[in-house]
């Protein structure tokens, strides 16, 4: 039973002792992956950037520093109310200025207009989506043609958790995620091994293709 409960907290931390511990774990373990995802996205100062499953807001902080243009805008979504509140506090000033927008919602139902996002990034996220294909299709909907999405994960760690039945189902497998990306209209879907601060991780790239 505990692996399932741990998986639920990792995917959707709650305001509880377990959720607080998970938030500390995410803050300590995800910083490198978040920073790498932001860097690999190639964010431009005037881009509209979206982070999926923003957690406590580490990646939001990194991305916000790059959006120095007047039209630069950062959006974050997370379906954990606890993480939404934590990130809202961390990004308080930028939220007040309108530079950042945060939404407490499912990735499969984002309150965003079609074809409005230039760059998307997320870390340790997709395997917790309730419906992987619906989530991917929704991300494709909001992205501009030619927009880039970068996903970062440490596959060896994810596979270990999956073996202990912490991860739900088989969605954690990169090949399943990448197949869903291709089926939803993404092209140039590739996975590469990367090194950052002496840590080896994987980066999955996908470009949103849309017929004119």
N, C-alpha and C. Protein backbone atom coordinates (compact mmCIF):
# COMPACT_ATOMS: atom_id res chain seq x y z
N UNK A 1 0.81 -1.21 0.00
CA UNK A 1 0.00 0.00 0.00
C UNK A 1 0.85 1.27 0.00
N UNK A 2 2.01 1.24 0.75
CA UNK A 2 2.80 2.47 0.85
C UNK A 2 3.35 2.93 -0.49
N UNK A 3 3.78 2.01 -1.41
CA UNK A 3 4.28 2.52 -2.69
C UNK A 3 3.21 3.32 -3.45
N UNK A 4 1.97 2.84 -3.41
CA UNK A 4 0.89 3.54 -4.10
C UNK A 4 0.66 4.93 -3.48
N UNK A 5 0.67 4.99 -2.14
CA UNK A 5 0.47 6.28 -1.47
C UNK A 5 1.61 7.24 -1.75
N UNK A 6 2.86 6.70 -1.80
CA UNK A 6 4.00 7.54 -2.13
C UNK A 6 3.86 8.08 -3.55
N UNK A 7 3.44 7.21 -4.46
CA UNK A 7 3.24 7.66 -5.85
C UNK A 7 2.19 8.74 -5.95
N UNK A 8 1.12 8.62 -5.15
CA UNK A 8 0.07 9.64 -5.16
C UNK A 8 0.60 10.98 -4.67
N UNK A 9 1.45 10.95 -3.64
CA UNK A 9 2.01 12.19 -3.11
C UNK A 9 3.04 12.80 -4.06
N UNK A 10 3.82 11.96 -4.73
CA UNK A 10 4.79 12.48 -5.70
C UNK A 10 4.08 13.16 -6.86
N UNK A 11 2.96 12.57 -7.29
CA UNK A 11 2.22 13.13 -8.42
C UNK A 11 1.34 14.29 -8.06
N UNK A 12 0.83 14.27 -6.82
CA UNK A 12 -0.12 15.34 -6.41
C UNK A 12 0.01 15.57 -4.90
N UNK A 13 1.09 16.24 -4.47
CA UNK A 13 1.30 16.46 -3.04
C UNK A 13 0.13 17.20 -2.41
N UNK A 14 -0.22 16.80 -1.20
CA UNK A 14 -1.32 17.44 -0.47
C UNK A 14 -0.75 18.21 0.72
N UNK A 15 -1.57 19.10 1.29
CA UNK A 15 -1.14 19.84 2.48
C UNK A 15 -1.25 18.89 3.67
N UNK A 16 -0.20 18.14 3.90
CA UNK A 16 -0.14 17.14 4.96
C UNK A 16 1.32 16.91 5.30
N UNK A 17 1.59 16.11 6.31
CA UNK A 17 2.98 15.79 6.64
C UNK A 17 3.66 15.11 5.46
N UNK A 18 2.94 14.15 4.84
CA UNK A 18 3.51 13.45 3.68
C UNK A 18 3.76 14.42 2.52
N UNK A 19 2.81 15.31 2.28
CA UNK A 19 2.96 16.29 1.21
C UNK A 19 4.10 17.25 1.46
N UNK A 20 4.26 17.65 2.73
CA UNK A 20 5.36 18.55 3.09
C UNK A 20 6.70 17.86 2.85
N UNK A 21 6.80 16.59 3.24
CA UNK A 21 8.05 15.85 3.03
C UNK A 21 8.35 15.70 1.54
N UNK A 22 7.32 15.44 0.75
CA UNK A 22 7.50 15.32 -0.69
C UNK A 22 7.96 16.65 -1.28
N UNK A 23 7.40 17.76 -0.79
CA UNK A 23 7.81 19.07 -1.31
C UNK A 23 9.28 19.32 -1.02
N UNK A 24 9.76 18.91 0.15
CA UNK A 24 11.17 19.06 0.48
C UNK A 24 12.03 18.18 -0.42
N UNK A 25 11.54 16.97 -0.69
CA UNK A 25 12.25 16.04 -1.57
C UNK A 25 12.34 16.62 -2.98
N UNK A 26 11.24 17.16 -3.48
CA UNK A 26 11.22 17.73 -4.83
C UNK A 26 12.16 18.93 -4.93
N UNK A 27 12.17 19.76 -3.88
CA UNK A 27 13.03 20.92 -3.90
C UNK A 27 14.49 20.52 -3.95
N UNK A 28 14.85 19.48 -3.20
CA UNK A 28 16.24 19.05 -3.13
C UNK A 28 16.68 18.30 -4.39
N UNK A 29 15.80 17.49 -4.95
CA UNK A 29 16.19 16.58 -6.03
C UNK A 29 15.93 17.12 -7.43
N UNK A 30 15.02 18.05 -7.58
CA UNK A 30 14.60 18.47 -8.92
C UNK A 30 15.31 19.71 -9.45
N UNK A 31 16.09 20.38 -8.60
CA UNK A 31 16.69 21.64 -9.04
C UNK A 31 17.53 21.47 -10.30
N UNK A 32 18.37 20.44 -10.35
CA UNK A 32 19.22 20.23 -11.51
C UNK A 32 18.38 19.94 -12.76
N UNK A 33 17.37 19.11 -12.62
CA UNK A 33 16.51 18.79 -13.76
C UNK A 33 15.73 20.01 -14.24
N UNK A 34 15.25 20.80 -13.31
CA UNK A 34 14.50 22.01 -13.67
C UNK A 34 15.41 23.00 -14.40
N UNK A 35 16.59 23.25 -13.84
CA UNK A 35 17.52 24.19 -14.47
C UNK A 35 17.92 23.72 -15.86
N UNK A 36 18.15 22.41 -15.99
CA UNK A 36 18.55 21.87 -17.29
C UNK A 36 17.43 21.99 -18.31
N UNK A 37 16.19 21.73 -17.90
CA UNK A 37 15.06 21.84 -18.83
C UNK A 37 14.92 23.26 -19.33
N UNK A 38 15.07 24.23 -18.44
CA UNK A 38 14.98 25.64 -18.83
C UNK A 38 16.09 25.98 -19.81
N UNK A 39 17.29 25.55 -19.51
CA UNK A 39 18.43 25.85 -20.38
C UNK A 39 18.26 25.23 -21.77
N UNK A 40 17.83 23.98 -21.80
CA UNK A 40 17.71 23.26 -23.07
C UNK A 40 16.56 23.78 -23.94
N UNK A 41 15.61 24.47 -23.32
CA UNK A 41 14.47 25.02 -24.07
C UNK A 41 14.88 26.13 -25.04
N UNK A 42 15.98 26.79 -24.75
CA UNK A 42 16.38 27.91 -25.61
C UNK A 42 15.40 29.06 -25.56
N UNK A 43 15.04 29.48 -24.36
CA UNK A 43 14.05 30.54 -24.17
C UNK A 43 14.58 31.88 -24.65
N UNK A 44 13.73 32.60 -25.40
CA UNK A 44 14.04 33.96 -25.84
C UNK A 44 13.33 34.97 -24.93
N UNK A 45 13.86 36.20 -24.83
CA UNK A 45 13.31 37.19 -23.89
C UNK A 45 11.82 37.48 -24.05
N UNK A 46 11.29 37.40 -25.29
CA UNK A 46 9.89 37.73 -25.52
C UNK A 46 8.97 36.55 -25.66
N UNK A 47 9.45 35.36 -25.34
CA UNK A 47 8.64 34.14 -25.50
C UNK A 47 7.51 34.06 -24.47
N UNK A 48 6.50 33.26 -24.85
CA UNK A 48 5.52 32.78 -23.88
C UNK A 48 5.91 31.35 -23.54
N UNK A 49 6.19 31.10 -22.27
CA UNK A 49 6.75 29.83 -21.81
C UNK A 49 5.80 29.19 -20.82
N UNK A 50 5.66 27.87 -20.93
CA UNK A 50 4.75 27.11 -20.07
C UNK A 50 5.52 26.01 -19.35
N UNK A 51 5.37 25.96 -18.02
CA UNK A 51 5.89 24.80 -17.28
C UNK A 51 4.72 23.95 -16.82
N UNK A 52 4.81 22.65 -17.08
CA UNK A 52 3.80 21.68 -16.67
C UNK A 52 4.23 21.04 -15.35
N UNK A 53 3.31 20.95 -14.40
CA UNK A 53 3.65 20.35 -13.11
C UNK A 53 4.77 21.11 -12.43
N UNK A 54 4.56 22.41 -12.19
CA UNK A 54 5.64 23.27 -11.72
C UNK A 54 6.11 22.98 -10.30
N UNK A 55 5.34 22.19 -9.52
CA UNK A 55 5.76 21.88 -8.17
C UNK A 55 5.96 23.13 -7.33
N UNK A 56 7.00 23.17 -6.48
CA UNK A 56 7.20 24.33 -5.60
C UNK A 56 7.69 25.59 -6.30
N UNK A 57 7.99 25.50 -7.61
CA UNK A 57 8.31 26.71 -8.37
C UNK A 57 9.76 26.92 -8.73
N UNK A 58 10.59 25.90 -8.62
CA UNK A 58 12.02 26.04 -8.92
C UNK A 58 12.25 26.39 -10.38
N UNK A 59 11.61 25.66 -11.28
CA UNK A 59 11.77 25.92 -12.70
C UNK A 59 11.18 27.26 -13.11
N UNK A 60 10.11 27.65 -12.46
CA UNK A 60 9.51 28.95 -12.74
C UNK A 60 10.49 30.07 -12.45
N UNK A 61 11.19 29.96 -11.33
CA UNK A 61 12.18 30.97 -10.98
C UNK A 61 13.28 31.07 -12.03
N UNK A 62 13.77 29.91 -12.48
CA UNK A 62 14.85 29.90 -13.48
C UNK A 62 14.38 30.49 -14.80
N UNK A 63 13.18 30.11 -15.24
CA UNK A 63 12.68 30.58 -16.54
C UNK A 63 12.36 32.06 -16.51
N UNK A 64 11.84 32.55 -15.39
CA UNK A 64 11.43 33.95 -15.30
C UNK A 64 12.62 34.89 -15.52
N UNK A 65 13.81 34.47 -15.11
CA UNK A 65 15.00 35.31 -15.25
C UNK A 65 15.37 35.55 -16.71
N UNK A 66 14.90 34.66 -17.60
CA UNK A 66 15.25 34.77 -19.02
C UNK A 66 14.23 35.58 -19.82
N UNK A 67 13.06 35.80 -19.25
CA UNK A 67 11.98 36.48 -19.98
C UNK A 67 12.04 37.98 -19.71
N UNK A 68 13.08 38.59 -20.22
CA UNK A 68 13.35 40.01 -19.94
C UNK A 68 12.64 40.96 -20.90
N UNK A 69 12.11 40.44 -22.01
CA UNK A 69 11.42 41.29 -22.98
C UNK A 69 10.05 41.70 -22.48
N UNK A 70 9.53 42.81 -23.00
CA UNK A 70 8.22 43.30 -22.55
C UNK A 70 7.08 42.32 -22.83
N UNK A 71 7.22 41.49 -23.87
CA UNK A 71 6.16 40.53 -24.19
C UNK A 71 6.42 39.16 -23.56
N UNK A 72 7.55 39.00 -22.88
CA UNK A 72 7.86 37.72 -22.26
C UNK A 72 6.86 37.39 -21.16
N UNK A 73 6.33 36.16 -21.19
CA UNK A 73 5.32 35.76 -20.21
C UNK A 73 5.54 34.30 -19.83
N UNK A 74 5.37 34.01 -18.56
CA UNK A 74 5.57 32.67 -18.01
C UNK A 74 4.27 32.15 -17.42
N UNK A 75 3.92 30.92 -17.80
CA UNK A 75 2.70 30.28 -17.32
C UNK A 75 3.08 28.97 -16.62
N UNK A 76 2.45 28.69 -15.51
CA UNK A 76 2.67 27.43 -14.83
C UNK A 76 1.35 26.76 -14.52
N UNK A 77 1.31 25.42 -14.64
CA UNK A 77 0.11 24.67 -14.26
C UNK A 77 0.51 23.51 -13.35
N UNK A 78 -0.34 23.23 -12.38
CA UNK A 78 -0.12 22.09 -11.49
C UNK A 78 -1.47 21.69 -10.91
N UNK A 79 -1.73 20.38 -10.83
CA UNK A 79 -3.04 20.00 -10.30
C UNK A 79 -3.00 19.66 -8.82
N UNK A 80 -1.87 19.94 -8.17
CA UNK A 80 -1.79 19.87 -6.72
C UNK A 80 -2.06 21.26 -6.15
N UNK A 81 -3.10 21.40 -5.36
CA UNK A 81 -3.41 22.70 -4.76
C UNK A 81 -2.27 23.16 -3.85
N UNK A 82 -1.64 22.22 -3.15
CA UNK A 82 -0.53 22.54 -2.25
C UNK A 82 0.64 23.12 -3.04
N UNK A 83 1.01 22.49 -4.17
CA UNK A 83 2.12 22.99 -4.99
C UNK A 83 1.76 24.34 -5.62
N UNK A 84 0.50 24.48 -6.02
CA UNK A 84 0.05 25.75 -6.58
C UNK A 84 0.23 26.88 -5.56
N UNK A 85 -0.12 26.60 -4.31
CA UNK A 85 0.02 27.61 -3.27
C UNK A 85 1.49 27.91 -2.97
N UNK A 86 2.33 26.89 -2.94
CA UNK A 86 3.75 27.09 -2.67
C UNK A 86 4.39 27.94 -3.77
N UNK A 87 4.09 27.59 -5.02
CA UNK A 87 4.66 28.34 -6.15
C UNK A 87 4.12 29.77 -6.18
N UNK A 88 2.86 29.94 -5.83
CA UNK A 88 2.27 31.29 -5.81
C UNK A 88 2.99 32.18 -4.81
N UNK A 89 3.36 31.61 -3.68
CA UNK A 89 4.10 32.38 -2.69
C UNK A 89 5.51 32.70 -3.18
N UNK A 90 6.16 31.72 -3.79
CA UNK A 90 7.52 31.91 -4.30
C UNK A 90 7.57 32.96 -5.41
N UNK A 91 6.53 33.01 -6.23
CA UNK A 91 6.50 33.90 -7.40
C UNK A 91 5.62 35.12 -7.16
N UNK A 92 5.37 35.46 -5.92
CA UNK A 92 4.39 36.48 -5.53
C UNK A 92 4.55 37.80 -6.30
N UNK A 93 5.77 38.32 -6.34
CA UNK A 93 5.98 39.62 -6.98
C UNK A 93 5.74 39.57 -8.48
N UNK A 94 6.18 38.50 -9.13
CA UNK A 94 6.00 38.39 -10.57
C UNK A 94 4.54 38.12 -10.93
N UNK A 95 3.82 37.46 -10.05
CA UNK A 95 2.38 37.28 -10.26
C UNK A 95 1.67 38.63 -10.20
N UNK A 96 2.06 39.44 -9.24
CA UNK A 96 1.44 40.75 -9.07
C UNK A 96 1.71 41.66 -10.27
N UNK A 97 2.88 41.50 -10.89
CA UNK A 97 3.23 42.34 -12.03
C UNK A 97 2.59 41.87 -13.32
N UNK A 98 2.06 40.63 -13.32
CA UNK A 98 1.46 40.08 -14.53
C UNK A 98 2.44 39.34 -15.42
N UNK A 99 3.70 39.29 -15.00
CA UNK A 99 4.72 38.59 -15.80
C UNK A 99 4.52 37.08 -15.75
N UNK A 100 3.94 36.60 -14.67
CA UNK A 100 3.72 35.17 -14.45
C UNK A 100 2.25 34.91 -14.17
N UNK A 101 1.74 33.82 -14.72
CA UNK A 101 0.36 33.36 -14.45
C UNK A 101 0.43 31.90 -14.02
N UNK A 102 -0.26 31.55 -12.95
CA UNK A 102 -0.30 30.17 -12.48
C UNK A 102 -1.74 29.68 -12.46
N UNK A 103 -1.91 28.42 -12.87
CA UNK A 103 -3.25 27.83 -12.92
C UNK A 103 -3.26 26.50 -12.16
N UNK A 104 -4.22 26.36 -11.27
CA UNK A 104 -4.42 25.09 -10.56
C UNK A 104 -5.38 24.25 -11.42
N UNK A 105 -4.81 23.35 -12.22
CA UNK A 105 -5.64 22.60 -13.16
C UNK A 105 -4.91 21.34 -13.63
N UNK A 106 -5.65 20.49 -14.30
CA UNK A 106 -5.12 19.29 -14.94
C UNK A 106 -4.46 19.70 -16.26
N UNK A 107 -3.33 19.09 -16.58
CA UNK A 107 -2.66 19.40 -17.84
C UNK A 107 -3.54 19.08 -19.04
N UNK A 108 -4.52 18.20 -18.86
CA UNK A 108 -5.41 17.83 -19.96
C UNK A 108 -6.54 18.83 -20.17
N UNK A 109 -6.61 19.85 -19.33
CA UNK A 109 -7.68 20.85 -19.46
C UNK A 109 -7.15 22.21 -19.01
N UNK A 110 -6.26 22.79 -19.80
CA UNK A 110 -5.63 24.06 -19.43
C UNK A 110 -6.44 25.24 -19.97
N UNK A 111 -6.60 26.29 -19.17
CA UNK A 111 -7.38 27.46 -19.61
C UNK A 111 -6.53 28.40 -20.48
N UNK A 112 -5.98 27.85 -21.56
CA UNK A 112 -5.10 28.61 -22.44
C UNK A 112 -5.63 28.55 -23.87
N UNK A 113 -5.42 29.62 -24.62
CA UNK A 113 -5.88 29.68 -26.01
C UNK A 113 -5.02 28.80 -26.91
N UNK A 114 -5.57 28.44 -28.05
CA UNK A 114 -4.84 27.63 -29.02
C UNK A 114 -3.60 28.37 -29.53
N UNK A 115 -2.55 27.61 -29.77
CA UNK A 115 -1.35 28.10 -30.48
C UNK A 115 -0.82 29.42 -29.91
N UNK A 116 -0.58 29.44 -28.60
CA UNK A 116 -0.11 30.67 -27.95
C UNK A 116 1.22 30.52 -27.22
N UNK A 117 1.75 29.30 -27.13
CA UNK A 117 2.94 29.05 -26.32
C UNK A 117 4.14 28.71 -27.19
N UNK A 118 5.27 29.38 -26.95
CA UNK A 118 6.49 29.15 -27.73
C UNK A 118 7.31 27.98 -27.21
N UNK A 119 7.44 27.87 -25.89
CA UNK A 119 8.30 26.87 -25.26
C UNK A 119 7.56 26.22 -24.10
N UNK A 120 7.75 24.90 -23.96
CA UNK A 120 7.17 24.15 -22.85
C UNK A 120 8.28 23.32 -22.21
N UNK A 121 8.29 23.25 -20.90
CA UNK A 121 9.23 22.35 -20.23
C UNK A 121 8.57 21.71 -19.02
N UNK A 122 9.07 20.54 -18.66
CA UNK A 122 8.61 19.88 -17.44
C UNK A 122 9.62 18.82 -17.01
N UNK A 123 9.65 18.57 -15.72
CA UNK A 123 10.60 17.62 -15.12
C UNK A 123 9.86 16.66 -14.20
N UNK A 124 10.15 15.37 -14.36
CA UNK A 124 9.54 14.35 -13.50
C UNK A 124 8.03 14.54 -13.39
N UNK A 125 7.39 14.59 -14.54
CA UNK A 125 5.99 15.01 -14.54
C UNK A 125 5.05 14.07 -15.30
N UNK A 126 5.38 13.75 -16.54
CA UNK A 126 4.38 13.12 -17.43
C UNK A 126 3.85 11.80 -16.91
N UNK A 127 4.64 11.06 -16.13
CA UNK A 127 4.18 9.74 -15.67
C UNK A 127 3.09 9.81 -14.63
N UNK A 128 2.79 11.01 -14.14
CA UNK A 128 1.71 11.16 -13.17
C UNK A 128 0.42 11.70 -13.79
N UNK A 129 0.45 12.00 -15.09
CA UNK A 129 -0.76 12.51 -15.73
C UNK A 129 -1.83 11.42 -15.75
N UNK A 130 -3.05 11.74 -15.33
CA UNK A 130 -4.11 10.72 -15.30
C UNK A 130 -4.36 10.08 -16.67
N UNK A 131 -4.27 10.87 -17.73
CA UNK A 131 -4.45 10.35 -19.09
C UNK A 131 -3.33 10.92 -19.95
N UNK A 132 -2.33 10.09 -20.23
CA UNK A 132 -1.13 10.55 -20.92
C UNK A 132 -1.45 11.15 -22.28
N UNK A 133 -2.27 10.47 -23.06
CA UNK A 133 -2.55 10.94 -24.42
C UNK A 133 -3.40 12.21 -24.43
N UNK A 134 -4.34 12.32 -23.53
CA UNK A 134 -5.12 13.56 -23.45
C UNK A 134 -4.24 14.73 -23.03
N UNK A 135 -3.33 14.46 -22.12
CA UNK A 135 -2.42 15.51 -21.67
C UNK A 135 -1.53 16.00 -22.80
N UNK A 136 -0.95 15.06 -23.55
CA UNK A 136 -0.07 15.41 -24.66
C UNK A 136 -0.84 16.17 -25.74
N UNK A 137 -2.05 15.72 -26.04
CA UNK A 137 -2.86 16.40 -27.05
C UNK A 137 -3.18 17.83 -26.64
N UNK A 138 -3.43 18.04 -25.36
CA UNK A 138 -3.73 19.38 -24.86
C UNK A 138 -2.50 20.29 -24.95
N UNK A 139 -1.34 19.74 -24.64
CA UNK A 139 -0.11 20.53 -24.76
C UNK A 139 0.11 20.93 -26.21
N UNK A 140 -0.11 19.99 -27.13
CA UNK A 140 0.04 20.29 -28.56
C UNK A 140 -0.93 21.39 -28.97
N UNK A 141 -2.13 21.38 -28.44
CA UNK A 141 -3.15 22.39 -28.80
C UNK A 141 -2.68 23.80 -28.47
N UNK A 142 -2.05 23.98 -27.30
CA UNK A 142 -1.71 25.34 -26.86
C UNK A 142 -0.39 25.84 -27.44
N UNK A 143 0.39 24.94 -28.04
CA UNK A 143 1.70 25.35 -28.56
C UNK A 143 1.61 25.95 -29.96
N UNK A 144 2.47 26.92 -30.22
CA UNK A 144 2.57 27.50 -31.55
C UNK A 144 3.24 26.51 -32.50
N UNK A 145 2.94 26.56 -33.79
CA UNK A 145 3.64 25.71 -34.75
C UNK A 145 5.14 25.93 -34.65
N UNK A 146 5.89 24.84 -34.56
CA UNK A 146 7.33 24.94 -34.43
C UNK A 146 7.82 25.14 -33.01
N UNK A 147 6.90 25.22 -32.05
CA UNK A 147 7.28 25.38 -30.65
C UNK A 147 7.99 24.14 -30.12
N UNK A 148 8.88 24.34 -29.17
CA UNK A 148 9.69 23.24 -28.64
C UNK A 148 9.27 22.89 -27.22
N UNK A 149 9.18 21.59 -26.95
CA UNK A 149 8.95 21.10 -25.59
C UNK A 149 10.14 20.25 -25.16
N UNK A 150 10.61 20.47 -23.93
CA UNK A 150 11.71 19.71 -23.36
C UNK A 150 11.25 19.06 -22.07
N UNK A 151 11.50 17.77 -21.96
CA UNK A 151 11.17 16.99 -20.77
C UNK A 151 12.46 16.45 -20.18
N UNK A 152 12.67 16.59 -18.87
CA UNK A 152 13.86 16.03 -18.24
C UNK A 152 13.48 15.04 -17.15
N UNK A 153 14.29 14.00 -17.04
CA UNK A 153 14.08 12.96 -16.03
C UNK A 153 15.37 12.20 -15.80
N UNK A 154 15.48 11.54 -14.68
CA UNK A 154 16.58 10.62 -14.42
C UNK A 154 15.99 9.22 -14.52
N UNK A 155 16.14 8.63 -15.69
CA UNK A 155 15.44 7.39 -16.01
C UNK A 155 15.79 6.26 -15.04
N UNK A 156 17.04 6.20 -14.60
CA UNK A 156 17.43 5.12 -13.68
C UNK A 156 16.65 5.22 -12.38
N UNK A 157 16.43 6.45 -11.89
CA UNK A 157 15.67 6.63 -10.66
C UNK A 157 14.19 6.31 -10.88
N UNK A 158 13.66 6.74 -12.01
CA UNK A 158 12.25 6.47 -12.31
C UNK A 158 12.00 4.98 -12.44
N UNK A 159 12.91 4.28 -13.11
CA UNK A 159 12.77 2.83 -13.27
C UNK A 159 12.81 2.11 -11.93
N UNK A 160 13.65 2.58 -11.02
CA UNK A 160 13.73 1.99 -9.68
C UNK A 160 12.41 2.17 -8.93
N UNK A 161 11.84 3.37 -9.01
CA UNK A 161 10.55 3.61 -8.37
C UNK A 161 9.45 2.77 -9.01
N UNK A 162 9.52 2.62 -10.33
CA UNK A 162 8.51 1.81 -11.03
C UNK A 162 8.59 0.35 -10.60
N UNK A 163 9.80 -0.14 -10.39
CA UNK A 163 9.98 -1.53 -9.96
C UNK A 163 9.39 -1.77 -8.58
N UNK A 164 9.33 -0.70 -7.79
CA UNK A 164 8.74 -0.78 -6.45
C UNK A 164 7.25 -0.41 -6.46
N UNK A 165 6.72 -0.24 -7.67
CA UNK A 165 5.31 0.06 -7.89
C UNK A 165 4.89 1.42 -7.35
N UNK A 166 5.84 2.34 -7.30
CA UNK A 166 5.51 3.71 -6.91
C UNK A 166 4.89 4.44 -8.10
N UNK A 167 5.40 4.17 -9.31
CA UNK A 167 4.88 4.81 -10.51
C UNK A 167 3.61 4.12 -10.98
N UNK A 168 2.59 4.88 -11.37
CA UNK A 168 1.33 4.28 -11.82
C UNK A 168 1.46 3.70 -13.23
N UNK A 169 1.08 2.43 -13.40
CA UNK A 169 1.02 1.82 -14.72
C UNK A 169 2.35 1.81 -15.46
N UNK A 170 2.26 1.95 -16.79
CA UNK A 170 3.44 1.90 -17.65
C UNK A 170 3.76 3.25 -18.30
N UNK A 171 3.06 4.29 -17.92
CA UNK A 171 3.27 5.59 -18.54
C UNK A 171 4.66 6.15 -18.28
N UNK A 172 5.34 5.64 -17.27
CA UNK A 172 6.68 6.15 -16.96
C UNK A 172 7.68 5.82 -18.06
N UNK A 173 7.41 4.81 -18.84
CA UNK A 173 8.37 4.40 -19.87
C UNK A 173 8.47 5.48 -20.95
N UNK A 174 9.69 5.96 -21.22
CA UNK A 174 9.85 7.02 -22.22
C UNK A 174 9.28 6.67 -23.57
N UNK A 175 9.37 5.39 -23.96
CA UNK A 175 8.86 5.01 -25.28
C UNK A 175 7.35 5.21 -25.39
N UNK A 176 6.62 5.04 -24.28
CA UNK A 176 5.17 5.27 -24.29
C UNK A 176 4.86 6.76 -24.40
N UNK A 177 5.61 7.55 -23.68
CA UNK A 177 5.44 9.01 -23.75
C UNK A 177 5.78 9.52 -25.14
N UNK A 178 6.88 9.04 -25.70
CA UNK A 178 7.31 9.50 -27.02
C UNK A 178 6.34 9.06 -28.11
N UNK A 179 5.75 7.89 -27.95
CA UNK A 179 4.73 7.42 -28.91
C UNK A 179 3.50 8.33 -28.85
N UNK A 180 3.10 8.72 -27.63
CA UNK A 180 1.96 9.62 -27.48
C UNK A 180 2.25 10.98 -28.11
N UNK A 181 3.48 11.45 -27.99
CA UNK A 181 3.88 12.71 -28.60
C UNK A 181 3.72 12.64 -30.12
N UNK A 182 4.25 11.60 -30.71
CA UNK A 182 4.18 11.46 -32.18
C UNK A 182 2.74 11.34 -32.64
N UNK A 183 1.93 10.58 -31.91
CA UNK A 183 0.53 10.38 -32.30
C UNK A 183 -0.28 11.67 -32.20
N UNK A 184 0.18 12.61 -31.37
CA UNK A 184 -0.55 13.86 -31.16
C UNK A 184 -0.09 14.98 -32.08
N UNK A 185 0.88 14.71 -32.95
CA UNK A 185 1.31 15.70 -33.92
C UNK A 185 2.67 16.33 -33.66
N UNK A 186 3.39 15.80 -32.68
CA UNK A 186 4.75 16.30 -32.45
C UNK A 186 5.72 15.60 -33.40
N UNK A 187 6.73 16.34 -33.84
CA UNK A 187 7.77 15.78 -34.70
C UNK A 187 9.12 15.97 -34.01
N UNK A 188 10.15 15.40 -34.63
CA UNK A 188 11.51 15.49 -34.10
C UNK A 188 11.55 15.07 -32.64
N UNK A 189 10.87 13.98 -32.34
CA UNK A 189 10.80 13.46 -30.97
C UNK A 189 12.03 12.59 -30.72
N UNK A 190 12.90 13.04 -29.85
CA UNK A 190 14.15 12.32 -29.59
C UNK A 190 14.46 12.35 -28.09
N UNK A 191 15.28 11.41 -27.66
CA UNK A 191 15.76 11.39 -26.27
C UNK A 191 17.27 11.32 -26.28
N UNK A 192 17.90 12.13 -25.43
CA UNK A 192 19.36 12.18 -25.34
C UNK A 192 19.80 12.06 -23.89
N UNK A 193 20.95 11.43 -23.68
CA UNK A 193 21.58 11.45 -22.36
C UNK A 193 22.33 12.76 -22.20
N UNK A 194 22.20 13.37 -21.03
CA UNK A 194 22.83 14.65 -20.76
C UNK A 194 23.60 14.60 -19.44
N UNK A 195 24.52 15.53 -19.29
CA UNK A 195 25.29 15.66 -18.06
C UNK A 195 25.17 17.10 -17.57
N UNK A 196 24.85 17.26 -16.29
CA UNK A 196 24.71 18.60 -15.73
C UNK A 196 25.12 18.54 -14.26
N UNK A 197 26.14 19.30 -13.91
CA UNK A 197 26.61 19.31 -12.53
C UNK A 197 26.90 17.89 -12.03
N UNK A 198 27.58 17.12 -12.86
CA UNK A 198 28.02 15.76 -12.53
C UNK A 198 26.87 14.76 -12.37
N UNK A 199 25.70 15.13 -12.84
CA UNK A 199 24.53 14.24 -12.77
C UNK A 199 24.12 13.87 -14.18
N UNK A 200 23.94 12.59 -14.42
CA UNK A 200 23.47 12.12 -15.73
C UNK A 200 21.95 12.04 -15.71
N UNK A 201 21.32 12.59 -16.75
CA UNK A 201 19.87 12.55 -16.85
C UNK A 201 19.50 12.44 -18.32
N UNK A 202 18.21 12.31 -18.60
CA UNK A 202 17.71 12.20 -19.96
C UNK A 202 16.86 13.44 -20.30
N UNK A 203 16.99 13.86 -21.55
CA UNK A 203 16.16 14.97 -22.05
C UNK A 203 15.39 14.48 -23.28
N UNK A 204 14.09 14.69 -23.29
CA UNK A 204 13.23 14.32 -24.41
C UNK A 204 12.77 15.61 -25.09
N UNK A 205 13.01 15.69 -26.39
CA UNK A 205 12.65 16.88 -27.17
C UNK A 205 11.48 16.55 -28.08
N UNK A 206 10.62 17.53 -28.31
CA UNK A 206 9.51 17.37 -29.24
C UNK A 206 9.12 18.73 -29.80
N UNK A 207 8.90 18.78 -31.11
CA UNK A 207 8.51 20.01 -31.79
C UNK A 207 7.06 19.91 -32.24
N UNK A 208 6.28 20.94 -31.97
CA UNK A 208 4.85 20.93 -32.32
C UNK A 208 4.68 21.21 -33.81
N UNK A 209 4.22 20.22 -34.54
CA UNK A 209 3.93 20.40 -35.96
C UNK A 209 2.43 20.65 -36.12
N UNK A 210 2.11 21.69 -36.92
CA UNK A 210 0.70 21.99 -37.20
C UNK A 210 0.59 22.40 -38.66
N UNK A 211 -0.31 21.76 -39.38
CA UNK A 211 -0.50 22.09 -40.78
C UNK A 211 -1.14 23.47 -40.91
N UNK A 212 -0.70 24.24 -41.85
CA UNK A 212 -1.23 25.60 -42.05
C UNK A 212 -2.54 25.57 -42.81
